[in-house]
Amino acid sequence: MLYKKGFTELSVLLSEKKVSAKEIAEIYIKRIEDIDKTINAYISFDGERLLKEAELSDQRRSKGEELSQFDGIPVAIKDNICTVDIKTTCASKMLGNFIPPYNAAVYDKLLAKGMIALGKTNLDEFSMGSSTESSIFGATKNPYDTNRVSGGSSGGSAAAVSAFMAPVSIGTDTGGSIRQPAAFCGVTGIKPTCGRVSRHGIIGFASSLDQVGTFGRNVQDAAALLKIISGYDKKDSVSINREVDIDARDITKNIKGLKIGLPEEYFRDIDSETGKLIEQRIDDLKKSGAELKSINLKYTQYASPVSYIIGAAEASSNLAKFDGVGYGFRTGNVNDLTSLYVKTRSEGFGDEVKRRIILGTYTLSSGHYDEYYLKALKSRTLIINDFKNVFNQVDAIITPVTLSPAFKLGEKNGDPLQMYMSDNLTISANLTGIPALSTPAGLNKEGLPIGIQIMGNYFDEQKIINISAVLEEICGEISPSL
């Protein structure tokens, strides 16, 4: 079936003229129409636009124009990434009808390769959440069990790839928002080094933590897409001007002599089946020639509170612009400016967003800044130094992605603290800015995917991609029965 072909497979079929871009578009239109009413991965999808863009790609190819190998291939895009002429809602009433006047840098890079936006995918409102349940468009369901969450905040992007409704997709990761849904949905998700991919045109949640990354049904596809969207951008203040040294064609499965660190702090309190699967995969790496080393990351225990203080503070600042004056939702029936601000923000934002704005405003307020925000920044430095010291001893770090498989819809909605803890094992990679990915470790007894996390030193994406490829070959392909 054509919709089961991967990103790089489709590029080969197109180059050999065994399939047309229009045929690819048509098969995905049908697949989305058949499946997405169950999964709810897409917020917006325009089959007519997709067909028109595909036909233009076929015309370019028939004329013999010089094209990228991915010209005409569709990609799903998280709905906090700005796209001209396509609504960008952040799954919020506040931006329910917002059409950006400019493109995000990553979307421009896709267009430059002739790729086509398949649609905009569902997410937690303003990316604040771990289950996609805070979206005003309803939760995205897990393709392996529709009674369970797809993860968050990039749940729609992960589920679209998992359910064969997109060959690849783009998401954002602020504390695990690519890796956690990738683990829950049985796909590969890569969060690159901070500065590797431009954040320009991403509607910000927490600017020092936000990063753009990719999903694929295998690591080759996720890596190929990551290479396309990587590169320096002067519009992003943290973008780093260096060679894009990621290439899916350079994947090697030789990890002999590679030193892999196992931090004991990451293996506590995990579900027994999750633990067994992770241990099996670690043993497989040892058999493949990797050297295992026990390591300590003692400041990991502070990562969650540090991240949520910094993230909430930055969110309160980033979201201050949504006030009912410039653009976005605006309440009616008010007689003064203060009422306009209060009612617009009260009606336009959901509970989780309001919770984080209030927390962030409090931690930045006079009398609390030093006690909370400044202390969190100092603690972040300790966590960064912890990882730097460890990477003097090892080449990569292996951990679980989550403590357990995907939880049931509604299970954690009444306890925000439990929801926050869903990101406990992924959050440090955002605080430190190192690259990290999630790759499937296999299925548990209930048939639910379990993910394994690989973290690398700064700009060592190719190294962790290589390790992922070894695990992928051992684990074999997994997919839902949809």
Protein backbone atom coordinates (compact mmCIF):
# COMPACT_ATOMS: atom_id res chain seq x y z
CA MET A 1 0.00 0.00 0.00
CA LEU A 2 1.42 3.34 -1.06
CA TYR A 3 0.52 5.17 2.17
CA LYS A 4 2.75 2.72 4.08
CA LYS A 5 5.81 3.78 2.12
CA GLY A 6 8.27 5.93 4.03
CA PHE A 7 9.61 9.38 3.21
CA THR A 8 12.81 8.19 1.56
CA GLU A 9 11.02 5.30 -0.18
CA LEU A 10 8.58 7.74 -1.77
CA SER A 11 11.45 9.91 -3.00
CA VAL A 12 12.93 6.89 -4.82
CA LEU A 13 9.58 5.95 -6.37
CA LEU A 14 9.12 9.53 -7.59
CA SER A 15 12.63 9.77 -9.05
CA GLU A 16 12.14 6.46 -10.88
CA LYS A 17 8.73 7.68 -12.11
CA LYS A 18 6.99 4.64 -10.63
CA VAL A 19 4.48 6.92 -8.93
CA SER A 20 3.35 10.54 -9.35
CA ALA A 21 3.03 13.23 -6.71
CA LYS A 22 -0.69 13.35 -7.51
CA GLU A 23 -1.06 9.63 -6.79
CA ILE A 24 0.68 10.11 -3.44
CA ALA A 25 -1.61 13.04 -2.61
CA GLU A 26 -4.71 11.07 -3.55
CA ILE A 27 -3.80 8.09 -1.39
CA TYR A 28 -3.17 10.31 1.65
CA ILE A 29 -6.40 12.23 1.11
CA LYS A 30 -8.32 8.95 1.19
CA ARG A 31 -6.37 7.66 4.18
CA ILE A 32 -7.01 10.82 6.20
CA GLU A 33 -10.71 10.84 5.27
CA ASP A 34 -10.99 7.19 6.37
CA ILE A 35 -8.95 7.28 9.57
CA ASP A 36 -8.75 10.77 11.03
CA LYS A 37 -12.35 10.86 12.19
CA THR A 38 -11.20 8.25 14.72
CA ILE A 39 -7.73 9.60 15.57
CA ASN A 40 -8.23 13.40 15.29
CA ALA A 41 -4.60 14.06 14.34
CA TYR A 42 -5.35 17.02 12.04
CA ILE A 43 -6.75 20.44 12.89
CA SER A 44 -6.81 21.58 9.29
CA PHE A 45 -6.58 19.59 6.08
CA ASP A 46 -7.29 20.81 2.54
CA GLY A 47 -7.29 17.99 0.02
CA GLU A 48 -7.99 20.32 -2.90
CA ARG A 49 -4.90 22.45 -2.16
CA LEU A 50 -2.82 19.29 -1.71
CA LEU A 51 -3.85 17.98 -5.14
CA LYS A 52 -3.08 21.29 -6.84
CA GLU A 53 0.40 21.42 -5.30
CA ALA A 54 1.03 17.79 -6.26
CA GLU A 55 0.01 18.45 -9.87
CA LEU A 56 2.44 21.39 -10.02
CA SER A 57 5.20 19.07 -8.78
CA ASP A 58 4.37 16.55 -11.50
CA GLN A 59 4.47 19.32 -14.10
CA ARG A 60 7.94 20.39 -12.90
CA ARG A 61 9.12 16.79 -13.14
CA SER A 62 7.64 16.24 -16.62
CA LYS A 63 9.40 19.37 -17.90
CA GLY A 64 12.73 17.98 -16.75
CA GLU A 65 13.35 20.75 -14.24
CA GLU A 66 16.10 20.23 -11.70
CA LEU A 67 14.27 19.13 -8.57
CA SER A 68 15.10 18.05 -5.06
CA GLN A 69 14.62 14.34 -4.45
CA PHE A 70 11.68 15.16 -2.15
CA ASP A 71 9.75 17.42 -4.53
CA GLY A 72 6.04 16.57 -4.32
CA ILE A 73 6.16 14.64 -1.03
CA PRO A 74 3.66 15.77 1.61
CA VAL A 75 4.60 16.48 5.24
CA ALA A 76 2.35 17.10 8.26
CA ILE A 77 3.10 20.26 10.26
CA LYS A 78 2.32 21.02 13.88
CA ASP A 79 -0.21 23.83 14.19
CA ASN A 80 2.06 26.21 16.10
CA ILE A 81 4.28 26.64 13.02
CA CYS A 82 3.40 29.68 10.90
CA THR A 83 2.22 28.98 7.36
CA VAL A 84 1.07 31.72 4.97
CA ASP A 85 -2.50 31.17 3.71
CA ILE A 86 -3.03 28.24 6.13
CA LYS A 87 -4.54 28.78 9.57
CA THR A 88 -2.19 28.47 12.53
CA THR A 89 -4.30 28.09 15.66
CA CYS A 90 -2.04 26.64 18.38
CA ALA A 91 -5.19 24.61 19.22
CA SER A 92 -6.52 27.67 21.04
CA LYS A 93 -9.62 29.83 20.86
CA MET A 94 -7.21 32.77 21.11
CA LEU A 95 -5.87 32.05 17.59
CA GLY A 96 -8.85 30.15 16.20
CA ASN A 97 -8.91 32.15 12.94
CA PHE A 98 -5.30 33.35 12.69
CA ILE A 99 -3.69 33.17 9.24
CA PRO A 100 -0.01 34.19 9.49
CA PRO A 101 1.39 36.87 7.16
CA TYR A 102 4.74 35.05 6.95
CA ASN A 103 6.16 31.52 6.98
CA ALA A 104 8.21 29.88 9.67
CA ALA A 105 11.81 29.28 8.56
CA VAL A 106 11.32 25.51 8.63
CA TYR A 107 8.27 25.74 6.37
CA ASP A 108 10.21 27.89 3.89
CA LYS A 109 12.90 25.19 3.82
CA LEU A 110 10.28 22.55 3.00
CA LEU A 111 8.83 24.71 0.22
CA ALA A 112 12.33 25.27 -1.20
CA LYS A 113 12.58 21.48 -1.63
CA GLY A 114 9.18 21.35 -3.36
CA MET A 115 7.51 19.61 -0.45
CA ILE A 116 3.81 20.08 0.31
CA ALA A 117 2.02 20.82 3.58
CA LEU A 118 -0.26 17.84 4.10
CA GLY A 119 -2.11 19.60 6.90
CA LYS A 120 -1.71 21.18 10.34
CA THR A 121 -1.65 18.75 13.23
CA ASN A 122 -3.27 18.81 16.65
CA LEU A 123 -1.45 19.76 19.83
CA ASP A 124 -1.97 20.78 23.43
CA GLU A 125 -3.07 24.43 23.53
CA PHE A 126 0.01 26.60 22.89
CA SER A 127 2.05 23.37 23.32
CA MET A 128 1.33 23.34 27.06
CA GLY A 129 0.62 19.75 27.96
CA SER A 130 1.65 16.12 27.66
CA SER A 131 -1.43 14.46 26.19
CA THR A 132 -2.98 16.73 23.49
CA GLU A 133 -6.09 16.82 25.68
CA SER A 134 -5.98 20.60 26.21
CA SER A 135 -6.63 21.27 22.50
CA ILE A 136 -9.90 23.11 21.80
CA PHE A 137 -10.32 20.70 18.88
CA GLY A 138 -10.43 17.65 21.16
CA ALA A 139 -7.80 15.09 22.05
CA THR A 140 -5.76 13.16 19.51
CA LYS A 141 -6.16 9.45 20.18
CA ASN A 142 -3.44 6.85 20.18
CA PRO A 143 -3.45 4.71 16.99
CA TYR A 144 -2.56 1.61 19.03
CA ASP A 145 -5.47 2.08 21.46
CA THR A 146 -7.97 4.87 20.87
CA ASN A 147 -8.85 4.90 24.58
CA ARG A 148 -5.36 6.20 25.29
CA VAL A 149 -3.55 9.48 24.68
CA SER A 150 -1.17 10.07 21.81
CA GLY A 151 1.13 12.10 24.06
CA GLY A 152 1.90 15.77 23.89
CA SER A 153 2.28 18.37 23.01
CA SER A 154 3.05 17.14 19.46
CA GLY A 155 0.51 14.31 19.71
CA GLY A 156 -1.11 15.06 16.35
CA SER A 157 2.22 14.96 14.51
CA ALA A 158 3.20 11.63 16.10
CA ALA A 159 -0.22 10.03 15.58
CA ALA A 160 -0.41 11.13 11.92
CA VAL A 161 2.85 9.31 11.14
CA SER A 162 1.97 6.29 13.30
CA ALA A 163 -1.46 5.85 11.67
CA PHE A 164 -0.03 6.17 8.12
CA MET A 165 -1.70 9.54 7.58
CA ALA A 166 1.64 11.21 6.77
CA PRO A 167 5.03 9.85 5.71
CA VAL A 168 6.80 12.27 8.06
CA SER A 169 5.88 15.24 10.23
CA ILE A 170 7.32 18.23 12.04
CA GLY A 171 6.77 19.02 15.71
CA THR A 172 8.22 21.12 18.49
CA ASP A 173 9.77 19.98 21.76
CA THR A 174 9.85 22.13 24.91
CA GLY A 175 10.22 19.41 27.54
CA GLY A 176 9.71 16.16 25.65
CA SER A 177 6.94 17.15 23.25
CA ILE A 178 8.45 15.19 20.34
CA ARG A 179 10.02 12.27 22.18
CA GLN A 180 7.14 11.42 24.54
CA PRO A 181 4.44 11.21 21.80
CA ALA A 182 6.91 9.37 19.55
CA ALA A 183 7.31 6.77 22.32
CA PHE A 184 3.56 6.53 22.93
CA CYS A 185 2.78 6.16 19.21
CA GLY A 186 5.62 3.81 18.24
CA VAL A 187 7.53 6.11 15.87
CA THR A 188 10.93 7.82 15.85
CA GLY A 189 11.13 11.45 16.99
CA ILE A 190 14.26 13.62 17.02
CA LYS A 191 14.84 16.78 19.04
CA PRO A 192 18.05 18.36 17.70
CA THR A 193 20.69 20.45 19.43
CA CYS A 194 19.45 23.91 20.40
CA GLY A 195 20.45 26.24 17.55
CA ARG A 196 20.51 23.49 14.91
CA VAL A 197 17.03 24.34 13.55
CA SER A 198 15.58 27.85 13.38
CA ARG A 199 12.71 28.75 15.72
CA HIS A 200 11.69 31.74 13.59
CA GLY A 201 7.96 31.61 12.94
CA ILE A 202 7.26 29.15 15.75
CA ILE A 203 4.62 30.60 18.09
CA GLY A 204 6.61 30.53 21.28
CA PHE A 205 5.80 28.79 24.53
CA ALA A 206 9.16 28.95 26.35
CA SER A 207 11.76 30.44 24.04
CA SER A 208 14.89 29.06 25.74
CA LEU A 209 13.43 25.54 25.76
CA ASP A 210 11.50 25.37 22.44
CA GLN A 211 13.10 23.39 19.62
CA VAL A 212 11.80 22.13 16.27
CA GLY A 213 12.27 18.48 15.32
CA THR A 214 10.97 15.63 13.20
CA PHE A 215 8.95 12.40 13.25
CA GLY A 216 9.33 9.41 10.95
CA ARG A 217 8.29 5.76 10.95
CA ASN A 218 12.01 4.99 10.95
CA VAL A 219 15.14 6.89 11.90
CA GLN A 220 16.26 7.25 8.27
CA ASP A 221 13.12 9.24 7.43
CA ALA A 222 13.30 11.39 10.57
CA ALA A 223 16.99 12.11 9.90
CA ALA A 224 16.40 12.96 6.22
CA LEU A 225 13.72 15.49 7.17
CA LEU A 226 15.89 16.92 9.95
CA LYS A 227 18.66 17.61 7.46
CA ILE A 228 16.23 19.57 5.27
CA ILE A 229 15.04 21.89 8.05
CA SER A 230 18.47 22.39 9.67
CA GLY A 231 20.76 25.34 9.05
CA TYR A 232 21.68 28.85 10.16
CA ASP A 233 19.04 31.57 10.28
CA LYS A 234 19.94 35.15 11.22
CA LYS A 235 16.33 35.72 12.29
CA ASP A 236 16.81 33.35 15.23
CA SER A 237 19.08 34.75 17.96
CA VAL A 238 20.26 31.29 19.11
CA SER A 239 20.78 29.84 15.62
CA ILE A 240 24.34 28.53 15.20
CA ASN A 241 26.20 29.01 11.94
CA ARG A 242 27.79 25.66 11.23
CA GLU A 243 27.73 22.94 8.63
CA VAL A 244 24.67 20.69 8.56
CA ASP A 245 26.47 17.44 9.33
CA ILE A 246 23.37 15.19 9.46
CA ASP A 247 22.74 12.80 6.60
CA ALA A 248 20.48 9.76 6.46
CA ARG A 249 22.78 8.33 3.79
CA ASP A 250 25.65 8.28 6.31
CA ILE A 251 23.88 6.05 8.82
CA THR A 252 26.19 3.27 9.96
CA LYS A 253 25.18 0.37 12.16
CA ASN A 254 28.70 -0.11 13.49
CA ILE A 255 28.71 0.95 17.15
CA LYS A 256 31.63 -1.22 18.26
CA GLY A 257 33.57 0.51 21.05
CA LEU A 258 31.00 3.26 21.50
CA LYS A 259 30.68 4.18 25.18
CA ILE A 260 27.07 4.39 26.34
CA GLY A 261 26.15 5.81 29.73
CA LEU A 262 23.30 4.45 31.85
CA PRO A 263 22.22 6.97 34.52
CA GLU A 264 20.71 5.18 37.50
CA GLU A 265 18.48 8.19 38.24
CA TYR A 266 16.49 7.51 35.05
CA PHE A 267 15.66 3.89 35.82
CA ARG A 268 13.84 4.40 39.10
CA ASP A 269 10.07 3.98 39.42
CA ILE A 270 9.56 2.74 35.87
CA ASP A 271 6.83 0.26 34.97
CA SER A 272 8.20 -3.32 35.16
CA GLU A 273 7.41 -4.19 31.53
CA THR A 274 8.90 -0.92 30.33
CA GLY A 275 12.02 -1.68 32.33
CA LYS A 276 12.35 -5.19 30.88
CA LEU A 277 12.06 -3.96 27.29
CA ILE A 278 14.62 -1.20 27.85
CA GLU A 279 17.01 -3.68 29.51
CA GLN A 280 16.64 -6.03 26.53
CA ARG A 281 17.53 -3.27 24.10
CA ILE A 282 20.51 -2.21 26.23
CA ASP A 283 21.72 -5.81 26.24
CA ASP A 284 21.31 -5.85 22.44
CA LEU A 285 23.55 -2.79 22.18
CA LYS A 286 26.18 -4.53 24.30
CA LYS A 287 26.03 -7.56 21.98
CA SER A 288 26.47 -5.16 19.04
CA GLY A 289 29.79 -4.01 20.48
CA ALA A 290 28.87 -0.98 22.60
CA GLU A 291 30.56 -0.49 25.96
CA LEU A 292 28.15 0.21 28.81
CA LYS A 293 29.03 2.46 31.71
CA SER A 294 27.04 3.34 34.82
CA ILE A 295 26.90 7.11 35.28
CA ASN A 296 25.36 9.61 37.68
CA LEU A 297 23.33 12.69 36.80
CA LYS A 298 22.64 13.80 40.36
CA TYR A 299 20.87 17.05 39.48
CA THR A 300 18.26 15.27 37.35
CA GLN A 301 15.89 15.26 40.33
CA TYR A 302 15.60 19.04 40.01
CA ALA A 303 14.98 19.10 36.25
CA SER A 304 11.16 19.10 36.39
CA PRO A 305 10.70 21.97 38.89
CA VAL A 306 13.45 23.99 37.20
CA SER A 307 11.88 23.49 33.77
CA TYR A 308 8.37 24.36 34.89
CA ILE A 309 9.49 27.55 36.64
CA ILE A 310 11.52 28.71 33.62
CA GLY A 311 8.88 27.54 31.14
CA ALA A 312 6.01 29.23 32.96
CA ALA A 313 7.97 32.47 33.31
CA GLU A 314 8.79 32.55 29.59
CA ALA A 315 5.21 31.58 28.69
CA SER A 316 3.78 34.46 30.73
CA SER A 317 6.05 36.83 28.80
CA ASN A 318 5.47 35.28 25.35
CA LEU A 319 1.69 35.19 25.71
CA ALA A 320 1.35 38.74 27.02
CA LYS A 321 0.82 39.92 23.43
CA PHE A 322 -2.51 38.10 23.19
CA ASP A 323 -4.64 40.84 24.72
CA GLY A 324 -7.53 41.35 22.27
CA VAL A 325 -6.00 44.45 20.71
CA GLY A 326 -3.61 43.52 17.89
CA TYR A 327 -4.88 40.19 16.55
CA GLY A 328 -6.49 36.96 17.63
CA PHE A 329 -9.63 36.49 19.71
CA ARG A 330 -11.30 39.62 21.10
CA THR A 331 -14.18 39.55 23.54
CA GLY A 332 -17.26 41.73 23.11
CA ASN A 333 -19.43 43.83 25.40
CA VAL A 334 -16.70 45.68 27.29
CA ASN A 335 -16.51 49.40 28.07
CA ASP A 336 -12.89 49.89 29.14
CA LEU A 337 -9.40 48.65 28.32
CA THR A 338 -8.86 46.71 31.53
CA SER A 339 -12.06 44.73 31.01
CA LEU A 340 -11.02 44.04 27.42
CA TYR A 341 -7.71 42.54 28.58
CA VAL A 342 -9.20 40.52 31.42
CA LYS A 343 -12.21 39.11 29.56
CA THR A 344 -10.28 38.38 26.36
CA ARG A 345 -7.60 36.42 28.16
CA SER A 346 -10.10 34.70 30.48
CA GLU A 347 -12.26 33.56 27.56
CA GLY A 348 -9.49 32.99 24.99
CA PHE A 349 -7.13 30.80 26.99
CA GLY A 350 -7.83 27.33 28.39
CA ASP A 351 -7.22 26.23 31.97
CA GLU A 352 -3.70 24.85 31.49
CA VAL A 353 -2.47 27.96 29.68
CA LYS A 354 -3.96 30.21 32.35
CA ARG A 355 -2.39 28.07 35.06
CA ARG A 356 1.08 28.51 33.58
CA ILE A 357 0.66 32.22 32.92
CA ILE A 358 -0.34 32.76 36.54
CA LEU A 359 2.56 30.65 37.81
CA GLY A 360 5.02 32.44 35.52
CA THR A 361 3.78 35.90 36.43
CA TYR A 362 4.09 35.02 40.12
CA THR A 363 7.68 33.74 39.80
CA LEU A 364 8.73 36.89 37.92
CA SER A 365 7.04 39.28 40.34
CA SER A 366 8.86 41.54 42.76
CA GLY A 367 9.82 39.63 45.86
CA HIS A 368 9.67 36.23 44.15
CA TYR A 369 12.06 36.65 41.20
CA ASP A 370 15.19 35.83 43.22
CA GLU A 371 13.48 33.10 45.20
CA TYR A 372 12.15 31.18 42.18
CA TYR A 373 13.22 32.30 38.71
CA LEU A 374 16.83 33.26 39.50
CA LYS A 375 17.31 30.10 41.57
CA ALA A 376 15.91 28.04 38.69
CA LEU A 377 18.41 29.61 36.27
CA LYS A 378 21.29 28.77 38.62
CA SER A 379 20.01 25.21 39.00
CA ARG A 380 19.81 24.92 35.21
CA THR A 381 23.54 25.67 35.06
CA LEU A 382 24.22 22.82 37.49
CA ILE A 383 22.23 20.44 35.28
CA ILE A 384 24.12 21.62 32.17
CA ASN A 385 27.47 21.07 33.90
CA ASP A 386 26.32 17.63 35.06
CA PHE A 387 25.76 16.56 31.45
CA LYS A 388 28.98 18.16 30.21
CA ASN A 389 30.96 16.17 32.78
CA VAL A 390 29.25 12.93 31.79
CA PHE A 391 29.95 13.49 28.09
CA ASN A 392 33.65 13.59 28.94
CA GLN A 393 33.21 9.91 29.88
CA VAL A 394 30.68 8.56 27.34
CA ASP A 395 29.55 9.04 23.73
CA ALA A 396 25.81 8.80 24.37
CA ILE A 397 23.27 8.25 27.15
CA ILE A 398 20.46 5.67 27.07
CA THR A 399 17.31 6.00 29.20
CA PRO A 400 13.59 5.23 29.04
CA VAL A 401 11.48 7.99 27.48
CA THR A 402 8.60 7.58 29.91
CA LEU A 403 7.92 5.66 33.11
CA SER A 404 5.10 3.69 31.45
CA PRO A 405 3.24 3.34 28.13
CA ALA A 406 0.51 5.74 26.99
CA PHE A 407 -2.02 6.43 29.75
CA LYS A 408 -5.76 6.48 29.29
CA LEU A 409 -7.66 9.55 28.10
CA GLY A 410 -8.75 11.62 31.10
CA GLU A 411 -6.60 9.64 33.53
CA LYS A 412 -4.39 12.57 34.58
CA ASN A 413 -6.61 15.57 33.83
CA GLY A 414 -7.60 16.06 37.46
CA ASP A 415 -4.00 16.19 38.68
CA PRO A 416 -1.78 18.67 36.81
CA LEU A 417 1.26 17.59 38.82
CA GLN A 418 0.92 13.99 37.59
CA MET A 419 0.61 15.30 34.03
CA TYR A 420 3.77 17.38 34.45
CA MET A 421 5.65 14.30 35.64
CA SER A 422 5.03 12.70 32.22
CA ASP A 423 8.03 14.69 30.97
CA ASN A 424 10.33 13.78 33.87
CA LEU A 425 12.81 11.78 31.80
CA THR A 426 12.89 14.04 28.73
CA ILE A 427 13.03 17.52 30.20
CA SER A 428 16.80 17.69 30.86
CA ALA A 429 17.63 17.60 27.14
CA ASN A 430 15.75 20.89 26.70
CA LEU A 431 17.32 22.53 29.73
CA THR A 432 20.79 21.62 28.48
CA GLY A 433 20.13 22.01 24.73
CA ILE A 434 21.60 18.61 23.82
CA PRO A 435 20.15 16.44 21.01
CA ALA A 436 17.91 13.53 21.97
CA LEU A 437 15.63 11.10 20.21
CA SER A 438 13.04 8.44 20.94
CA THR A 439 13.04 5.19 19.02
CA PRO A 440 10.75 2.17 19.55
CA ALA A 441 12.00 -0.49 21.98
CA GLY A 442 9.08 -2.80 21.13
CA LEU A 443 5.55 -3.55 22.34
CA ASN A 444 4.52 -4.54 25.86
CA LYS A 445 2.09 -7.38 26.66
CA GLU A 446 -0.88 -5.10 25.97
CA GLY A 447 0.46 -4.30 22.51
CA LEU A 448 1.43 -0.74 23.46
CA PRO A 449 4.68 0.84 22.19
CA ILE A 450 7.56 1.55 24.55
CA GLY A 451 10.20 4.12 23.57
CA ILE A 452 13.90 4.25 24.37
CA GLN A 453 15.67 7.61 24.62
CA ILE A 454 19.15 8.27 23.23
CA MET A 455 20.84 11.54 24.23
CA GLY A 456 24.06 12.83 22.70
CA ASN A 457 26.58 15.60 23.16
CA TYR A 458 26.05 18.93 21.38
CA PHE A 459 25.74 18.47 17.59
CA ASP A 460 26.20 14.70 17.88
CA GLU A 461 22.90 13.96 16.12
CA GLN A 462 24.54 11.59 13.63
CA LYS A 463 25.93 9.48 16.47
CA ILE A 464 22.58 9.01 18.21
CA ILE A 465 20.90 8.39 14.85
CA ASN A 466 23.39 5.56 14.22
CA ILE A 467 22.57 3.98 17.61
CA SER A 468 18.87 4.30 16.84
CA ALA A 469 19.39 2.50 13.52
CA VAL A 470 20.99 -0.44 15.34
CA LEU A 471 18.07 -0.67 17.76
CA GLU A 472 15.58 -0.35 14.90
CA GLU A 473 17.11 -3.30 13.07
CA ILE A 474 17.01 -5.42 16.25
CA CYS A 475 13.50 -4.37 17.29
CA GLY A 476 11.92 -4.71 13.87
CA GLU A 477 9.07 -2.65 12.48
CA ILE A 478 6.01 -2.04 14.62
CA SER A 479 2.73 -0.51 13.49
CA PRO A 480 -0.88 -0.20 14.67
CA SER A 481 -3.62 -2.35 13.16
CA LEU A 482 -5.69 0.60 11.89
